[in-house]
Each structure stands twice: as C-alpha cells, then as structure tokens.
Amino acid sequence: MTEQSETRPLRLLVVDDHEVVRQGLVALLDRRERFQVVAEAGTVEEALDAARRFLPDLVIMDVRLPDGSGIEACREIRSELPKTRVVMLTSYPDEEAVLSAIIAGASGYLLKQIRARDLVTSLESVGRGESLLDPAVQKILQLVAEGKTNKEIAAEVFLSDKTVKNYVSSILSKLNLQRRAQAAAFVAKHRLPGSGT
C-alpha cells in the first residue's frame, strides 16, 4: 500500500509543535510536485495517530515536542511502519540526539537553519532510500556491534577514548542495554545503515 513509484509524489507528515513552523514547511513542500503533505501534527500522540491513519512515505519530525520526544515517536513509527522513513528536524545540533535518532531508525537529522532548497534536496534523497546521517556516528555504532573496544574505535574514527566512551555509554543507556554484546544484537536486529560493509 505504501509502495513508492516514481510517478506518485512522496506522502509527507509534518510534525512540529510550532504552528508557524508547520505551516511554513507545508507551504514550502506541498507546492512541489514530488511532495504531497497528507497530514500535520503538533505532538507525539498526534504524530503517531496521523502516521497510522495516513501511512506517509516520509515524516519530518521535530525532536522536542510538548508531550515527549520526537525521537521516541520516530522509534515507534519505524517499528510499526518500517516502510515509513523519518527525518528529524531541530534547532539544536545535539550529538547525543543525533545518536538517539540513528538508533531510533531515522534516515536523517537536519537543522531548522537549513536553506529551503537544501531541505527539499535532502528529503528527495531520503525518498529515494538514501540516508543523510553522519557516517562517522554510524561507524561508531557498527564498531560497537563488531565488539571493538573503545580504544580501537577511537583509533579508527579519530576521536579521543573519552569521547568514544561517552558515546558508547550514552548509546547503551538510551537502549537500556547493560553490555556491549546486547548492543551488537540490537544493531543486527535493527539492521542499522552501514551494517555489512
């Protein structure tokens, strides 16, 4: 039902708690022939309801919502509707949130300061099945899954041991995982981008 053909526009769900931002996104995207905004939402609950009802191809999701986290909403949408892709849109460049978004299955993480043309191009890329996420962060997750130590990961991604340690412990705590072996199983189960390379 949600098969994506080249002739059909991408069905979008726009989620942001600021009405002005939502309306701006809808006005910008809905007039492009590649996009069709099928619904908008201002809370996590509205986003989940709209996703289930309209089965969008792509959700543009604010990270901070009044009744919870857009990242949690992303995780739930991705587990219920695996064909629906989610791009996080936020005002705050927060490394931890980027990691969480990747873990939750987001295809991208964009800042609201992005130019309109770049936003359109990015969404079209995700619509084609590409990921916009930072390969370095994906690589850290992949290396954890492969059983590498923090020191080995640090050497491979050119970060300090301490930074990698913070990343890894943040990932494990966010996933409620006690051990790195569980992280490996999680990454395999969720088939994170970059696995198998």
C-alpha atoms as a PDB file:
ATOM      1  CA  MET A   1       0.000   0.000   0.000  1.00  0.00           C
ATOM      2  CA  THR A   2       2.904   2.360   0.660  1.00  0.00           C
ATOM      3  CA  GLU A   3       4.890   1.304  -2.413  1.00  0.00           C
ATOM      4  CA  GLN A   4       6.857   4.216  -3.782  1.00  0.00           C
ATOM      5  CA  SER A   5       6.688   4.699  -7.534  1.00  0.00           C
ATOM      6  CA  GLU A   6       8.447   7.464  -9.444  1.00  0.00           C
ATOM      7  CA  THR A   7       5.136   8.865 -10.705  1.00  0.00           C
ATOM      8  CA  ARG A   8       3.486   9.245  -7.317  1.00  0.00           C
ATOM      9  CA  PRO A   9       4.559  12.112  -5.036  1.00  0.00           C
ATOM     10  CA  LEU A  10       6.074  11.333  -1.639  1.00  0.00           C
ATOM     11  CA  ARG A  11       3.376  11.447   1.030  1.00  0.00           C
ATOM     12  CA  LEU A  12       4.587  13.630   3.902  1.00  0.00           C
ATOM     13  CA  LEU A  13       3.608  14.017   7.551  1.00  0.00           C
ATOM     14  CA  VAL A  14       4.922  17.260   9.087  1.00  0.00           C
ATOM     15  CA  VAL A  15       5.365  17.194  12.896  1.00  0.00           C
ATOM     16  CA  ASP A  16       6.277  20.359  14.823  1.00  0.00           C
ATOM     17  CA  ASP A  17       4.734  21.928  17.918  1.00  0.00           C
ATOM     18  CA  HIS A  18       5.093  25.444  16.475  1.00  0.00           C
ATOM     19  CA  GLU A  19       2.197  26.147  14.141  1.00  0.00           C
ATOM     20  CA  VAL A  20       4.154  28.793  12.215  1.00  0.00           C
ATOM     21  CA  VAL A  21       6.975  26.330  11.518  1.00  0.00           C
ATOM     22  CA  ARG A  22       4.493  23.624  10.468  1.00  0.00           C
ATOM     23  CA  GLN A  23       2.653  25.969   8.129  1.00  0.00           C
ATOM     24  CA  GLY A  24       5.928  27.167   6.642  1.00  0.00           C
ATOM     25  CA  LEU A  25       7.043  23.589   5.943  1.00  0.00           C
ATOM     26  CA  VAL A  26       3.643  22.664   4.495  1.00  0.00           C
ATOM     27  CA  ALA A  27       3.641  25.772   2.249  1.00  0.00           C
ATOM     28  CA  LEU A  28       7.205  25.073   1.102  1.00  0.00           C
ATOM     29  CA  LEU A  29       6.792  21.351   0.422  1.00  0.00           C
ATOM     30  CA  ASP A  30       3.202  20.941  -0.708  1.00  0.00           C
ATOM     31  CA  ARG A  31       3.706  23.113  -3.788  1.00  0.00           C
ATOM     32  CA  ARG A  32       6.499  20.857  -5.079  1.00  0.00           C
ATOM     33  CA  GLU A  33       5.260  18.114  -7.392  1.00  0.00           C
ATOM     34  CA  ARG A  34       7.477  15.480  -5.715  1.00  0.00           C
ATOM     35  CA  PHE A  35       5.730  16.021  -2.366  1.00  0.00           C
ATOM     36  CA  GLN A  36       2.189  15.783  -1.043  1.00  0.00           C
ATOM     37  CA  VAL A  37       1.598  16.771   2.594  1.00  0.00           C
ATOM     38  CA  VAL A  38      -1.069  14.324   3.786  1.00  0.00           C
ATOM     39  CA  ALA A  39      -1.134  15.374   7.463  1.00  0.00           C
ATOM     40  CA  GLU A  40       0.438  17.566  10.122  1.00  0.00           C
ATOM     41  CA  ALA A  41       0.787  17.142  13.875  1.00  0.00           C
ATOM     42  CA  GLY A  42       1.982  19.124  16.899  1.00  0.00           C
ATOM     43  CA  THR A  43       2.515  16.389  19.490  1.00  0.00           C
ATOM     44  CA  VAL A  44       3.901  12.846  19.732  1.00  0.00           C
ATOM     45  CA  GLU A  45       0.381  11.466  20.166  1.00  0.00           C
ATOM     46  CA  GLU A  46      -0.950  13.336  17.097  1.00  0.00           C
ATOM     47  CA  ALA A  47       2.097  12.215  15.092  1.00  0.00           C
ATOM     48  CA  LEU A  48       1.518   8.536  15.913  1.00  0.00           C
ATOM     49  CA  ASP A  49      -2.204   8.789  15.123  1.00  0.00           C
ATOM     50  CA  ALA A  50      -1.524  10.564  11.819  1.00  0.00           C
ATOM     51  CA  ALA A  51       1.199   8.082  10.821  1.00  0.00           C
ATOM     52  CA  ARG A  52      -1.135   5.119  11.448  1.00  0.00           C
ATOM     53  CA  ARG A  53      -4.017   6.769   9.622  1.00  0.00           C
ATOM     54  CA  PHE A  54      -2.229   8.225   6.573  1.00  0.00           C
ATOM     55  CA  LEU A  55       0.738   5.822   6.173  1.00  0.00           C
ATOM     56  CA  PRO A  56       3.129   8.545   4.958  1.00  0.00           C
ATOM     57  CA  ASP A  57       6.282   7.733   2.983  1.00  0.00           C
ATOM     58  CA  LEU A  58       8.204  10.326   4.959  1.00  0.00           C
ATOM     59  CA  VAL A  59       7.776  12.034   8.344  1.00  0.00           C
ATOM     60  CA  ILE A  60       9.506  15.342   9.103  1.00  0.00           C
ATOM     61  CA  MET A  61       9.738  15.234  12.889  1.00  0.00           C
ATOM     62  CA  ASP A  62      10.719  17.915  15.412  1.00  0.00           C
ATOM     63  CA  VAL A  63      12.963  16.475  18.155  1.00  0.00           C
ATOM     64  CA  ARG A  64      11.326  18.369  21.050  1.00  0.00           C
ATOM     65  CA  LEU A  65       7.563  18.034  21.363  1.00  0.00           C
ATOM     66  CA  PRO A  66       5.339  19.115  24.275  1.00  0.00           C
ATOM     67  CA  ASP A  67       4.262  15.582  25.251  1.00  0.00           C
ATOM     68  CA  GLY A  68       7.560  13.793  24.696  1.00  0.00           C
ATOM     69  CA  SER A  69      10.456  13.229  22.346  1.00  0.00           C
ATOM     70  CA  GLY A  70      10.241  13.149  18.573  1.00  0.00           C
ATOM     71  CA  ILE A  71      12.968  10.508  18.751  1.00  0.00           C
ATOM     72  CA  GLU A  72      10.662   8.185  20.716  1.00  0.00           C
ATOM     73  CA  ALA A  73       7.893   8.912  18.197  1.00  0.00           C
ATOM     74  CA  CYS A  74      10.353   8.049  15.406  1.00  0.00           C
ATOM     75  CA  ARG A  75      11.202   4.736  17.074  1.00  0.00           C
ATOM     76  CA  GLU A  76       7.535   3.840  17.422  1.00  0.00           C
ATOM     77  CA  ILE A  77       6.628   4.828  13.853  1.00  0.00           C
ATOM     78  CA  ARG A  78       9.609   2.902  12.448  1.00  0.00           C
ATOM     79  CA  SER A  79       8.713  -0.246  14.403  1.00  0.00           C
ATOM     80  CA  GLU A  80       5.044  -0.136  13.357  1.00  0.00           C
ATOM     81  CA  LEU A  81       5.556   1.171   9.807  1.00  0.00           C
ATOM     82  CA  PRO A  82       9.000   0.018   8.636  1.00  0.00           C
ATOM     83  CA  LYS A  83       8.472   1.464   5.121  1.00  0.00           C
ATOM     84  CA  THR A  84       7.909   4.961   6.524  1.00  0.00           C
ATOM     85  CA  ARG A  85      11.115   6.993   6.728  1.00  0.00           C
ATOM     86  CA  VAL A  86      11.662   9.701   9.328  1.00  0.00           C
ATOM     87  CA  VAL A  87      13.852  12.814   9.136  1.00  0.00           C
ATOM     88  CA  MET A  88      14.467  14.689  12.394  1.00  0.00           C
ATOM     89  CA  LEU A  89      14.331  18.485  12.102  1.00  0.00           C
ATOM     90  CA  THR A  90      15.578  20.535  15.041  1.00  0.00           C
ATOM     91  CA  SER A  91      17.015  23.879  16.116  1.00  0.00           C
ATOM     92  CA  TYR A  92      19.646  22.200  18.292  1.00  0.00           C
ATOM     93  CA  PRO A  93      22.759  20.441  16.963  1.00  0.00           C
ATOM     94  CA  ASP A  94      22.998  17.900  19.779  1.00  0.00           C
ATOM     95  CA  GLU A  95      25.372  14.963  19.203  1.00  0.00           C
ATOM     96  CA  GLU A  96      23.528  12.769  21.672  1.00  0.00           C
ATOM     97  CA  ALA A  97      20.224  13.427  19.913  1.00  0.00           C
ATOM     98  CA  VAL A  98      21.835  12.517  16.578  1.00  0.00           C
ATOM     99  CA  LEU A  99      22.931   9.181  18.053  1.00  0.00           C
ATOM    100  CA  SER A 100      19.489   8.603  19.503  1.00  0.00           C
ATOM    101  CA  ALA A 101      17.886   9.433  16.160  1.00  0.00           C
ATOM    102  CA  ILE A 102      20.095   6.895  14.378  1.00  0.00           C
ATOM    103  CA  ILE A 103      19.265   4.255  16.960  1.00  0.00           C
ATOM    104  CA  ALA A 104      15.566   5.066  16.597  1.00  0.00           C
ATOM    105  CA  GLY A 105      15.831   4.406  12.859  1.00  0.00           C
ATOM    106  CA  ALA A 106      15.778   7.964  11.472  1.00  0.00           C
ATOM    107  CA  SER A 107      17.076   8.477   7.926  1.00  0.00           C
ATOM    108  CA  GLY A 108      18.298  11.979   8.612  1.00  0.00           C
ATOM    109  CA  TYR A 109      18.868  14.774  11.111  1.00  0.00           C
ATOM    110  CA  LEU A 110      18.566  18.334   9.800  1.00  0.00           C
ATOM    111  CA  LEU A 111      18.806  21.722  11.473  1.00  0.00           C
ATOM    112  CA  LYS A 112      15.961  24.209  11.021  1.00  0.00           C
ATOM    113  CA  GLN A 113      18.523  26.745   9.813  1.00  0.00           C
ATOM    114  CA  ILE A 114      18.794  24.711   6.564  1.00  0.00           C
ATOM    115  CA  ARG A 115      18.040  26.548   3.320  1.00  0.00           C
ATOM    116  CA  ALA A 116      14.733  25.660   1.676  1.00  0.00           C
ATOM    117  CA  ARG A 117      16.422  24.279  -1.446  1.00  0.00           C
ATOM    118  CA  ASP A 118      18.734  22.057   0.629  1.00  0.00           C
ATOM    119  CA  LEU A 119      15.795  20.779   2.679  1.00  0.00           C
ATOM    120  CA  VAL A 120      13.924  19.793  -0.495  1.00  0.00           C
ATOM    121  CA  THR A 121      17.027  18.052  -1.914  1.00  0.00           C
ATOM    122  CA  SER A 122      17.608  16.209   1.375  1.00  0.00           C
ATOM    123  CA  LEU A 123      14.003  15.000   1.576  1.00  0.00           C
ATOM    124  CA  GLU A 124      14.124  13.832  -2.038  1.00  0.00           C
ATOM    125  CA  SER A 125      17.282  11.834  -1.214  1.00  0.00           C
ATOM    126  CA  VAL A 126      15.576  10.152   1.732  1.00  0.00           C
ATOM    127  CA  GLY A 127      12.571   9.459  -0.502  1.00  0.00           C
ATOM    128  CA  ARG A 128      14.925   7.522  -2.799  1.00  0.00           C
ATOM    129  CA  GLY A 129      16.052   5.431   0.160  1.00  0.00           C
ATOM    130  CA  GLU A 130      19.298   7.251   0.966  1.00  0.00           C
ATOM    131  CA  SER A 131      20.432   8.220   4.476  1.00  0.00           C
ATOM    132  CA  LEU A 132      21.576  11.734   5.451  1.00  0.00           C
ATOM    133  CA  LEU A 133      23.223  10.703   8.690  1.00  0.00           C
ATOM    134  CA  ASP A 134      26.834  11.247   9.601  1.00  0.00           C
ATOM    135  CA  PRO A 135      28.774   8.135   8.559  1.00  0.00           C
ATOM    136  CA  ALA A 136      31.213   8.614  11.495  1.00  0.00           C
ATOM    137  CA  VAL A 137      28.445   8.219  14.061  1.00  0.00           C
ATOM    138  CA  GLN A 138      27.010   5.233  12.208  1.00  0.00           C
ATOM    139  CA  LYS A 139      30.500   3.762  12.171  1.00  0.00           C
ATOM    140  CA  ILE A 140      30.822   4.032  15.969  1.00  0.00           C
ATOM    141  CA  LEU A 141      27.609   2.056  16.370  1.00  0.00           C
ATOM    142  CA  GLN A 142      28.805  -0.502  13.850  1.00  0.00           C
ATOM    143  CA  LEU A 143      32.186  -0.901  15.581  1.00  0.00           C
ATOM    144  CA  VAL A 144      30.467  -1.391  18.946  1.00  0.00           C
ATOM    145  CA  ALA A 145      28.386  -4.093  17.289  1.00  0.00           C
ATOM    146  CA  GLU A 146      31.549  -5.724  15.954  1.00  0.00           C
ATOM    147  CA  GLY A 147      32.864  -5.978  19.517  1.00  0.00           C
ATOM    148  CA  LYS A 148      35.644  -3.398  19.213  1.00  0.00           C
ATOM    149  CA  THR A 149      36.951  -1.754  22.384  1.00  0.00           C
ATOM    150  CA  ASN A 150      36.592   1.989  22.956  1.00  0.00           C
ATOM    151  CA  LYS A 151      40.326   2.362  22.298  1.00  0.00           C
ATOM    152  CA  GLU A 152      40.073   0.539  18.952  1.00  0.00           C
ATOM    153  CA  ILE A 153      37.034   2.581  17.965  1.00  0.00           C
ATOM    154  CA  ALA A 154      38.769   5.835  18.957  1.00  0.00           C
ATOM    155  CA  ALA A 155      41.768   4.978  16.757  1.00  0.00           C
ATOM    156  CA  GLU A 156      39.523   4.143  13.800  1.00  0.00           C
ATOM    157  CA  VAL A 157      37.265   7.215  13.939  1.00  0.00           C
ATOM    158  CA  PHE A 158      39.951   9.678  15.111  1.00  0.00           C
ATOM    159  CA  LEU A 159      38.196  10.661  18.338  1.00  0.00           C
ATOM    160  CA  SER A 160      39.562  10.583  21.887  1.00  0.00           C
ATOM    161  CA  ASP A 161      38.992   7.475  24.036  1.00  0.00           C
ATOM    162  CA  LYS A 162      36.936   9.630  26.412  1.00  0.00           C
ATOM    163  CA  THR A 163      34.615  10.886  23.628  1.00  0.00           C
ATOM    164  CA  VAL A 164      34.061   7.352  22.361  1.00  0.00           C
ATOM    165  CA  LYS A 165      33.475   6.099  25.911  1.00  0.00           C
ATOM    166  CA  ASN A 166      30.834   8.811  26.411  1.00  0.00           C
ATOM    167  CA  TYR A 167      29.183   7.967  23.082  1.00  0.00           C
ATOM    168  CA  VAL A 168      29.106   4.257  23.847  1.00  0.00           C
ATOM    169  CA  SER A 169      27.782   4.579  27.401  1.00  0.00           C
ATOM    170  CA  SER A 170      25.167   7.056  26.158  1.00  0.00           C
ATOM    171  CA  ILE A 171      24.094   4.600  23.442  1.00  0.00           C
ATOM    172  CA  LEU A 172      23.885   1.689  25.877  1.00  0.00           C
ATOM    173  CA  SER A 173      21.900   3.638  28.472  1.00  0.00           C
ATOM    174  CA  LYS A 174      19.493   5.020  25.859  1.00  0.00           C
ATOM    175  CA  LEU A 175      18.828   1.497  24.616  1.00  0.00           C
ATOM    176  CA  ASN A 176      18.561   0.150  28.163  1.00  0.00           C
ATOM    177  CA  LEU A 177      21.380  -2.255  27.353  1.00  0.00           C
ATOM    178  CA  GLN A 178      23.796  -3.333  30.046  1.00  0.00           C
ATOM    179  CA  ARG A 179      26.501  -4.841  27.854  1.00  0.00           C
ATOM    180  CA  ARG A 180      28.144  -4.200  24.506  1.00  0.00           C
ATOM    181  CA  ALA A 181      27.104  -7.685  23.344  1.00  0.00           C
ATOM    182  CA  GLN A 182      23.481  -6.585  23.669  1.00  0.00           C
ATOM    183  CA  ALA A 183      24.295  -3.532  21.533  1.00  0.00           C
ATOM    184  CA  ALA A 184      25.639  -5.873  18.841  1.00  0.00           C
ATOM    185  CA  ALA A 185      22.387  -7.834  18.882  1.00  0.00           C
ATOM    186  CA  PHE A 186      20.380  -4.593  18.759  1.00  0.00           C
ATOM    187  CA  VAL A 187      22.305  -3.251  15.756  1.00  0.00           C
ATOM    188  CA  ALA A 188      21.884  -6.571  13.924  1.00  0.00           C
ATOM    189  CA  LYS A 189      18.171  -6.704  14.706  1.00  0.00           C
ATOM    190  CA  HIS A 190      17.555  -3.137  13.523  1.00  0.00           C
ATOM    191  CA  ARG A 191      19.834  -3.524  10.501  1.00  0.00           C
ATOM    192  CA  LEU A 192      21.369  -0.108  11.002  1.00  0.00           C
ATOM    193  CA  PRO A 193      22.803   1.621   7.911  1.00  0.00           C
ATOM    194  CA  GLY A 194      26.377   0.641   7.270  1.00  0.00           C
ATOM    195  CA  SER A 195      25.990  -2.904   8.552  1.00  0.00           C
ATOM    196  CA  GLY A 196      27.657  -5.450   6.353  1.00  0.00           C
ATOM    197  CA  THR A 197      30.171  -3.023   4.863  1.00  0.00           C
END
